[in-house]
């Protein structure tokens, strides 16, 4: 009987190691990561629907469901999974005047980045976003654009 118990314990240990290895491989190939918990009053970006961009919000409290939070977005209280919530950084917390917002509980207004476009002598269109990111689009000089 002792040999049967030894085989069973070896099997369980080997099975545990294989499952752990499979989880590590899956997480690595799918870029899975553990997200930090959020505190009440944290300012966040919230995905409201799959069509819209993220909107600013404030975490009100942790929900009973795992990895879920109640977040106030545009005056509405929504329950969202942690996967649909991103912590806002100090860089993104700006008021309309451009000064930093010192209050963590105040959601700021967010606008789409403005793009200024210029045509370079090489024929490529150069756009500079408000964030400073430069976009270059190659333009074929023989193609007629309407």
C-alpha atoms as a PDB file:
ATOM      1  CA  UNK A   1       0.000   0.000   0.000  1.00  0.00           C
ATOM      2  CA  UNK A   2       2.880   2.359   0.654  1.00  0.00           C
ATOM      3  CA  UNK A   3       3.936   2.280  -3.029  1.00  0.00           C
ATOM      4  CA  UNK A   4       0.436   3.318  -4.163  1.00  0.00           C
ATOM      5  CA  UNK A   5       0.432   6.384  -1.896  1.00  0.00           C
ATOM      6  CA  UNK A   6       3.907   7.342  -3.079  1.00  0.00           C
ATOM      7  CA  UNK A   7       2.832   7.119  -6.730  1.00  0.00           C
ATOM      8  CA  UNK A   8      -0.250   9.232  -5.982  1.00  0.00           C
ATOM      9  CA  UNK A   9       1.784  11.948  -4.239  1.00  0.00           C
ATOM     10  CA  UNK A  10       4.298  11.954  -7.124  1.00  0.00           C
ATOM     11  CA  UNK A  11       1.428  12.257  -9.590  1.00  0.00           C
ATOM     12  CA  UNK A  12      -0.136  15.182  -7.683  1.00  0.00           C
ATOM     13  CA  UNK A  13       3.182  17.018  -7.452  1.00  0.00           C
ATOM     14  CA  UNK A  14       3.948  16.457 -11.157  1.00  0.00           C
ATOM     15  CA  UNK A  15       0.409  17.537 -12.095  1.00  0.00           C
ATOM     16  CA  UNK A  16       0.746  20.720  -9.973  1.00  0.00           C
ATOM     17  CA  UNK A  17       4.075  21.615 -11.650  1.00  0.00           C
ATOM     18  CA  UNK A  18       2.646  21.009 -15.142  1.00  0.00           C
ATOM     19  CA  UNK A  19      -0.388  23.198 -14.429  1.00  0.00           C
ATOM     20  CA  UNK A  20       1.823  25.963 -13.060  1.00  0.00           C
ATOM     21  CA  UNK A  21       4.080  25.801 -16.126  1.00  0.00           C
ATOM     22  CA  UNK A  22       1.050  25.884 -18.448  1.00  0.00           C
ATOM     23  CA  UNK A  23      -0.310  28.955 -16.629  1.00  0.00           C
ATOM     24  CA  UNK A  24       3.056  30.745 -16.844  1.00  0.00           C
ATOM     25  CA  UNK A  25       3.360  30.000 -20.576  1.00  0.00           C
ATOM     26  CA  UNK A  26      -0.202  31.193 -21.248  1.00  0.00           C
ATOM     27  CA  UNK A  27       0.258  34.388 -19.222  1.00  0.00           C
ATOM     28  CA  UNK A  28       3.550  35.172 -20.955  1.00  0.00           C
ATOM     29  CA  UNK A  29       2.209  34.636 -24.474  1.00  0.00           C
ATOM     30  CA  UNK A  30      -0.986  36.633 -23.762  1.00  0.00           C
ATOM     31  CA  UNK A  31       0.768  39.432 -21.849  1.00  0.00           C
ATOM     32  CA  UNK A  32      -1.364  38.803 -18.780  1.00  0.00           C
ATOM     33  CA  UNK A  33      -0.547  40.967 -15.781  1.00  0.00           C
ATOM     34  CA  UNK A  34      -1.762  41.444 -12.245  1.00  0.00           C
ATOM     35  CA  UNK A  35      -3.398  44.840 -11.809  1.00  0.00           C
ATOM     36  CA  UNK A  36      -3.079  46.827  -8.586  1.00  0.00           C
ATOM     37  CA  UNK A  37      -6.124  47.425  -6.416  1.00  0.00           C
ATOM     38  CA  UNK A  38      -7.757  50.845  -6.606  1.00  0.00           C
ATOM     39  CA  UNK A  39      -8.638  52.979  -3.612  1.00  0.00           C
ATOM     40  CA  UNK A  40     -11.817  54.967  -3.053  1.00  0.00           C
ATOM     41  CA  UNK A  41     -11.430  58.404  -4.665  1.00  0.00           C
ATOM     42  CA  UNK A  42      -8.819  57.373  -7.274  1.00  0.00           C
ATOM     43  CA  UNK A  43      -9.253  59.125 -10.614  1.00  0.00           C
ATOM     44  CA  UNK A  44      -9.402  56.641 -13.478  1.00  0.00           C
ATOM     45  CA  UNK A  45     -10.156  56.173 -17.177  1.00  0.00           C
ATOM     46  CA  UNK A  46     -13.225  53.978 -17.663  1.00  0.00           C
ATOM     47  CA  UNK A  47     -14.287  52.090 -20.774  1.00  0.00           C
ATOM     48  CA  UNK A  48     -18.017  52.866 -20.984  1.00  0.00           C
ATOM     49  CA  UNK A  49     -18.783  50.967 -24.197  1.00  0.00           C
ATOM     50  CA  UNK A  50     -16.769  49.124 -26.822  1.00  0.00           C
ATOM     51  CA  UNK A  51     -17.443  51.901 -29.372  1.00  0.00           C
ATOM     52  CA  UNK A  52     -16.454  54.926 -27.280  1.00  0.00           C
ATOM     53  CA  UNK A  53     -13.106  56.069 -26.012  1.00  0.00           C
ATOM     54  CA  UNK A  54     -12.404  55.857 -22.298  1.00  0.00           C
ATOM     55  CA  UNK A  55     -13.966  58.526 -20.108  1.00  0.00           C
ATOM     56  CA  UNK A  56     -12.693  60.071 -16.869  1.00  0.00           C
ATOM     57  CA  UNK A  57     -14.223  58.820 -13.654  1.00  0.00           C
ATOM     58  CA  UNK A  58     -13.743  58.466  -9.920  1.00  0.00           C
ATOM     59  CA  UNK A  59     -13.680  55.167  -7.990  1.00  0.00           C
ATOM     60  CA  UNK A  60     -16.397  55.265  -5.314  1.00  0.00           C
ATOM     61  CA  UNK A  61     -15.943  51.827  -3.703  1.00  0.00           C
ATOM     62  CA  UNK A  62     -14.996  48.207  -4.387  1.00  0.00           C
ATOM     63  CA  UNK A  63     -17.861  45.944  -5.476  1.00  0.00           C
ATOM     64  CA  UNK A  64     -18.603  42.572  -3.886  1.00  0.00           C
ATOM     65  CA  UNK A  65     -17.807  40.816  -7.180  1.00  0.00           C
ATOM     66  CA  UNK A  66     -14.123  39.984  -7.702  1.00  0.00           C
ATOM     67  CA  UNK A  67     -12.022  42.637  -9.503  1.00  0.00           C
ATOM     68  CA  UNK A  68     -14.995  45.008  -9.832  1.00  0.00           C
ATOM     69  CA  UNK A  69     -15.466  48.605  -8.740  1.00  0.00           C
ATOM     70  CA  UNK A  70     -18.295  51.130  -8.588  1.00  0.00           C
ATOM     71  CA  UNK A  71     -17.121  54.153 -10.567  1.00  0.00           C
ATOM     72  CA  UNK A  72     -18.792  57.536 -11.019  1.00  0.00           C
ATOM     73  CA  UNK A  73     -18.648  58.595 -14.685  1.00  0.00           C
ATOM     74  CA  UNK A  74     -20.418  61.765 -15.853  1.00  0.00           C
ATOM     75  CA  UNK A  75     -22.717  61.751 -12.827  1.00  0.00           C
ATOM     76  CA  UNK A  76     -23.689  58.071 -13.221  1.00  0.00           C
ATOM     77  CA  UNK A  77     -22.588  55.244 -10.949  1.00  0.00           C
ATOM     78  CA  UNK A  78     -21.380  52.234 -12.984  1.00  0.00           C
ATOM     79  CA  UNK A  79     -19.986  48.854 -11.946  1.00  0.00           C
ATOM     80  CA  UNK A  80     -16.953  47.990 -14.043  1.00  0.00           C
ATOM     81  CA  UNK A  81     -14.448  45.173 -14.081  1.00  0.00           C
ATOM     82  CA  UNK A  82     -10.838  46.095 -13.282  1.00  0.00           C
ATOM     83  CA  UNK A  83      -9.967  45.128 -16.874  1.00  0.00           C
ATOM     84  CA  UNK A  84     -12.013  48.151 -18.096  1.00  0.00           C
ATOM     85  CA  UNK A  85     -10.461  50.640 -15.674  1.00  0.00           C
ATOM     86  CA  UNK A  86      -7.062  52.354 -16.027  1.00  0.00           C
ATOM     87  CA  UNK A  87      -5.504  54.545 -13.351  1.00  0.00           C
ATOM     88  CA  UNK A  88      -5.031  58.160 -14.437  1.00  0.00           C
ATOM     89  CA  UNK A  89      -1.563  59.672 -14.094  1.00  0.00           C
ATOM     90  CA  UNK A  90      -0.736  63.194 -12.927  1.00  0.00           C
ATOM     91  CA  UNK A  91       0.118  64.127 -16.545  1.00  0.00           C
ATOM     92  CA  UNK A  92      -3.435  63.492 -17.710  1.00  0.00           C
ATOM     93  CA  UNK A  93      -5.093  65.365 -14.849  1.00  0.00           C
ATOM     94  CA  UNK A  94      -5.292  68.856 -16.319  1.00  0.00           C
ATOM     95  CA  UNK A  95      -7.948  71.505 -16.138  1.00  0.00           C
ATOM     96  CA  UNK A  96      -9.093  73.478 -19.175  1.00  0.00           C
ATOM     97  CA  UNK A  97      -6.640  76.288 -18.353  1.00  0.00           C
ATOM     98  CA  UNK A  98      -3.727  73.855 -18.564  1.00  0.00           C
ATOM     99  CA  UNK A  99      -2.840  73.977 -14.866  1.00  0.00           C
ATOM    100  CA  UNK A 100      -2.566  70.712 -12.945  1.00  0.00           C
ATOM    101  CA  UNK A 101      -5.631  69.627 -11.035  1.00  0.00           C
ATOM    102  CA  UNK A 102      -4.758  69.173  -7.367  1.00  0.00           C
ATOM    103  CA  UNK A 103      -8.029  67.503  -6.384  1.00  0.00           C
ATOM    104  CA  UNK A 104      -8.051  63.730  -6.938  1.00  0.00           C
ATOM    105  CA  UNK A 105     -11.859  63.539  -6.786  1.00  0.00           C
ATOM    106  CA  UNK A 106     -12.477  66.016  -9.603  1.00  0.00           C
ATOM    107  CA  UNK A 107     -12.815  64.592 -13.139  1.00  0.00           C
ATOM    108  CA  UNK A 108     -11.351  66.847 -15.817  1.00  0.00           C
ATOM    109  CA  UNK A 109     -12.710  67.388 -19.301  1.00  0.00           C
ATOM    110  CA  UNK A 110     -10.864  65.498 -22.014  1.00  0.00           C
ATOM    111  CA  UNK A 111     -10.743  66.546 -25.642  1.00  0.00           C
ATOM    112  CA  UNK A 112      -9.565  64.693 -28.704  1.00  0.00           C
ATOM    113  CA  UNK A 113      -6.001  65.519 -29.736  1.00  0.00           C
ATOM    114  CA  UNK A 114      -5.758  68.304 -32.257  1.00  0.00           C
ATOM    115  CA  UNK A 115      -3.744  67.670 -35.404  1.00  0.00           C
ATOM    116  CA  UNK A 116      -1.991  70.284 -37.486  1.00  0.00           C
ATOM    117  CA  UNK A 117      -0.916  69.078 -40.911  1.00  0.00           C
ATOM    118  CA  UNK A 118       1.768  70.467 -43.185  1.00  0.00           C
ATOM    119  CA  UNK A 119       2.984  69.172 -46.514  1.00  0.00           C
ATOM    120  CA  UNK A 120       6.716  68.609 -46.539  1.00  0.00           C
ATOM    121  CA  UNK A 121       8.720  69.261 -49.732  1.00  0.00           C
ATOM    122  CA  UNK A 122       9.288  65.506 -50.040  1.00  0.00           C
ATOM    123  CA  UNK A 123       5.545  65.133 -50.571  1.00  0.00           C
ATOM    124  CA  UNK A 124       4.748  63.545 -47.223  1.00  0.00           C
ATOM    125  CA  UNK A 125       2.113  65.025 -44.963  1.00  0.00           C
ATOM    126  CA  UNK A 126       3.446  65.784 -41.510  1.00  0.00           C
ATOM    127  CA  UNK A 127       0.972  66.035 -38.652  1.00  0.00           C
ATOM    128  CA  UNK A 128       1.872  67.053 -35.127  1.00  0.00           C
ATOM    129  CA  UNK A 129      -0.578  66.148 -32.410  1.00  0.00           C
ATOM    130  CA  UNK A 130      -1.160  68.351 -29.374  1.00  0.00           C
ATOM    131  CA  UNK A 131       0.720  65.755 -27.337  1.00  0.00           C
ATOM    132  CA  UNK A 132       3.782  66.378 -29.509  1.00  0.00           C
ATOM    133  CA  UNK A 133       3.632  63.083 -31.383  1.00  0.00           C
ATOM    134  CA  UNK A 134       4.641  63.496 -35.047  1.00  0.00           C
ATOM    135  CA  UNK A 135       2.685  61.619 -37.695  1.00  0.00           C
ATOM    136  CA  UNK A 136       4.048  61.156 -41.203  1.00  0.00           C
ATOM    137  CA  UNK A 137       1.941  59.944 -44.088  1.00  0.00           C
ATOM    138  CA  UNK A 138       3.657  59.178 -47.367  1.00  0.00           C
ATOM    139  CA  UNK A 139       1.980  60.729 -50.367  1.00  0.00           C
ATOM    140  CA  UNK A 140       2.416  59.384 -53.896  1.00  0.00           C
ATOM    141  CA  UNK A 141       3.034  62.418 -56.179  1.00  0.00           C
ATOM    142  CA  UNK A 142       1.665  60.565 -59.241  1.00  0.00           C
ATOM    143  CA  UNK A 143      -1.617  59.691 -57.566  1.00  0.00           C
ATOM    144  CA  UNK A 144      -4.434  62.228 -57.815  1.00  0.00           C
ATOM    145  CA  UNK A 145      -6.150  62.838 -54.478  1.00  0.00           C
ATOM    146  CA  UNK A 146      -9.734  64.118 -54.479  1.00  0.00           C
END
